[in-house]
Protein backbone atom coordinates (compact mmCIF):
# COMPACT_ATOMS: atom_id res chain seq x y z
CA MET A 1 -24.00 58.59 25.23
CA LYS A 2 -23.67 59.75 21.57
CA LYS A 3 -20.32 58.32 21.23
CA ILE A 4 -22.31 55.05 21.91
CA SER A 5 -23.68 53.08 19.09
CA ILE A 6 -25.87 50.58 21.42
CA SER A 7 -27.11 48.76 18.36
CA ALA A 8 -23.84 48.44 17.05
CA VAL A 9 -22.52 47.29 20.11
CA ILE A 10 -25.33 44.60 20.52
CA VAL A 11 -25.26 43.26 16.99
CA GLY A 12 -21.31 43.16 17.21
CA ALA A 13 -21.32 40.96 20.24
CA ILE A 14 -24.26 38.81 19.21
CA LEU A 15 -22.15 37.94 15.61
CA GLY A 16 -19.17 37.47 17.80
CA ILE A 17 -20.77 34.80 20.13
CA VAL A 18 -22.47 33.16 17.42
CA ALA A 19 -19.30 32.97 15.27
CA ALA A 20 -16.97 31.70 18.40
CA SER A 21 -20.18 28.80 18.78
CA VAL A 22 -19.71 27.82 15.29
CA LEU A 23 -16.09 27.94 14.93
CA ALA A 24 -16.05 25.54 18.17
CA ILE A 25 -18.10 23.30 17.11
CA PRO A 26 -15.31 21.28 14.86
CA LEU A 27 -12.50 21.91 17.75
CA THR A 28 -15.26 20.05 20.07
CA ILE A 29 -16.26 17.11 17.65
CA TYR A 30 -12.28 16.45 16.98
CA GLU A 31 -12.05 16.25 21.01
CA VAL A 32 -14.64 14.03 21.75
CA LYS A 33 -13.35 11.41 19.34
CA HIS A 34 -9.69 12.59 20.13
CA TRP A 35 -10.95 11.34 24.06
CA HIS A 36 -13.70 8.42 23.19
CA LEU A 37 -16.29 10.58 25.23
CA LEU A 38 -19.11 9.55 22.38
CA GLY A 39 -20.61 6.98 24.57
CA LEU A 40 -20.55 7.80 27.94
CA PRO A 41 -23.83 8.58 29.64
CA ALA A 42 -25.17 12.14 29.55
CA ASP A 43 -24.72 12.72 33.25
CA GLN A 44 -20.72 11.86 33.08
CA GLY A 45 -20.32 13.69 29.79
CA GLN A 46 -19.60 17.41 30.41
CA GLU A 47 -17.62 15.95 33.50
CA ALA A 48 -15.71 14.25 31.28
CA VAL A 49 -15.26 17.07 28.23
CA LYS A 50 -14.55 19.16 31.19
CA ALA A 51 -11.92 16.79 32.22
CA ALA A 52 -10.45 16.35 28.54
CA TYR A 53 -10.59 20.11 27.73
CA GLY A 54 -8.24 20.91 31.23
CA ALA A 55 -5.88 18.25 30.16
CA ASP A 56 -5.18 19.20 26.59
CA ILE A 57 -3.64 22.65 26.07
CA SER A 58 -3.42 22.64 22.52
CA TRP A 59 -6.75 22.16 22.64
CA GLN A 60 -6.88 25.46 25.06
CA LEU A 61 -5.43 27.76 23.00
CA MET A 62 -7.15 27.12 19.67
CA GLY A 63 -9.81 27.86 22.06
CA LEU A 64 -8.60 31.06 23.42
CA ALA A 65 -7.40 31.89 19.45
CA ILE A 66 -10.92 31.30 18.19
CA ASP A 67 -12.50 33.49 21.03
CA GLY A 68 -9.69 36.63 20.26
CA PHE A 69 -10.19 35.94 16.46
CA CYS A 70 -14.14 36.45 16.98
CA ASN A 71 -13.77 39.44 19.46
CA ILE A 72 -11.91 41.20 16.47
CA PHE A 73 -14.79 40.05 14.38
CA ALA A 74 -17.49 41.34 16.78
CA GLY A 75 -15.39 45.15 16.73
CA TYR A 76 -14.99 45.15 13.20
CA THR A 77 -18.90 44.43 12.72
CA ALA A 78 -19.71 47.15 15.88
CA GLY A 79 -17.07 49.82 14.03
CA LYS A 80 -18.51 49.21 10.56
CA ILE A 81 -22.24 49.21 11.90
CA ALA A 82 -21.70 52.39 13.94
CA ARG A 83 -19.14 54.70 12.12
CA HIS A 84 -18.18 56.88 14.49
CA ASN A 85 -15.55 55.70 17.56
CA GLU A 86 -15.16 52.52 16.31
CA MET A 87 -12.77 51.45 18.54
CA LEU A 88 -15.14 52.70 21.22
CA ASN A 89 -17.93 50.59 20.22
CA GLY A 90 -15.80 47.40 18.78
CA SER A 91 -14.37 47.21 22.66
CA LEU A 92 -17.80 47.63 24.41
CA THR A 93 -18.66 44.65 21.97
CA CYS A 94 -17.12 42.30 24.44
CA ILE A 95 -18.99 43.11 27.40
CA LEU A 96 -21.98 40.59 26.54
CA GLY A 97 -19.36 37.86 25.61
CA LEU A 98 -18.00 38.45 29.43
CA LEU A 99 -21.27 38.97 31.13
CA PHE A 100 -22.42 35.18 29.15
CA SER A 101 -19.11 33.92 30.44
CA LEU A 102 -19.09 35.05 34.12
CA ALA A 103 -22.46 34.01 34.49
CA ALA A 104 -21.51 30.31 33.26
CA SER A 105 -18.58 30.72 35.72
CA LEU A 106 -20.59 31.36 38.62
CA ARG A 107 -23.27 28.57 37.74
CA GLY A 108 -20.10 26.08 36.93
CA LYS A 109 -21.00 25.29 33.61
CA LEU A 110 -18.01 26.98 32.37
CA MET A 111 -15.47 24.50 31.20
CA THR A 112 -12.10 26.76 30.96
CA PRO A 113 -9.25 26.73 32.92
CA ALA A 114 -9.50 29.72 35.27
CA TRP A 115 -6.25 31.24 33.20
CA ILE A 116 -8.19 31.25 29.95
CA GLN A 117 -11.49 33.42 31.49
CA VAL A 118 -8.82 35.86 32.88
CA THR A 119 -6.61 36.20 29.64
CA SER A 120 -10.07 36.30 27.75
CA PHE A 121 -11.03 38.97 30.25
CA PHE A 122 -8.24 41.45 29.66
CA LEU A 123 -8.16 40.56 26.19
CA ALA A 124 -11.11 40.79 24.99
CA PRO A 125 -11.94 44.73 24.88
CA ALA A 126 -8.31 44.59 23.67
CA LEU A 127 -9.03 43.07 20.60
CA GLY A 128 -12.41 44.24 19.97
CA ALA A 129 -10.92 47.54 20.22
CA LEU A 130 -8.14 46.35 17.49
CA GLY A 131 -11.42 45.50 15.32
CA GLY A 132 -12.96 48.91 15.70
CA TYR A 133 -9.17 49.84 14.46
CA ILE A 134 -9.40 48.25 11.93
CA SER A 135 -12.93 49.05 10.70
CA ALA A 136 -12.03 52.64 11.06
CA ARG A 137 -9.14 52.16 9.06
CA ARG A 138 -11.03 50.83 6.12
CA ASN A 139 -13.81 53.71 6.66
CA ALA A 140 -11.07 56.68 6.66
CA PRO A 141 -10.69 58.14 3.40
CA ALA A 142 -8.07 57.41 1.34
CA ARG A 143 -4.88 59.58 1.16
CA TYR A 144 -3.33 60.02 -2.31
């Protein structure tokens, strides 16, 4: 248990989730304008956005890229805070995000198609570990 820095993992995970949410805002605004979803009644809005998201592969890939970047960022942050076992701590940052996604999926509130959920499930730990690896390389003493 000494290898895991709980505070580093939690801070990295929260920063990754917040970064993904903030970076998704411009993408969502663009899609709402592109698909003319602004004037819909509130009860139809979520279903319309879900249908538009499912119909546009470029939006799905951009969302996957944002998610991947934020997983790397979360892993890097956790590695920087922990300063030991950076890859382990970095890969653990994805657990909180995956739990939120699982909870949203079980409630039927997740808008992403199943293939993106499965891809994120397998890529998130690897990308978090990559962020931890980058952090470890930057923390390592310089060799001359």
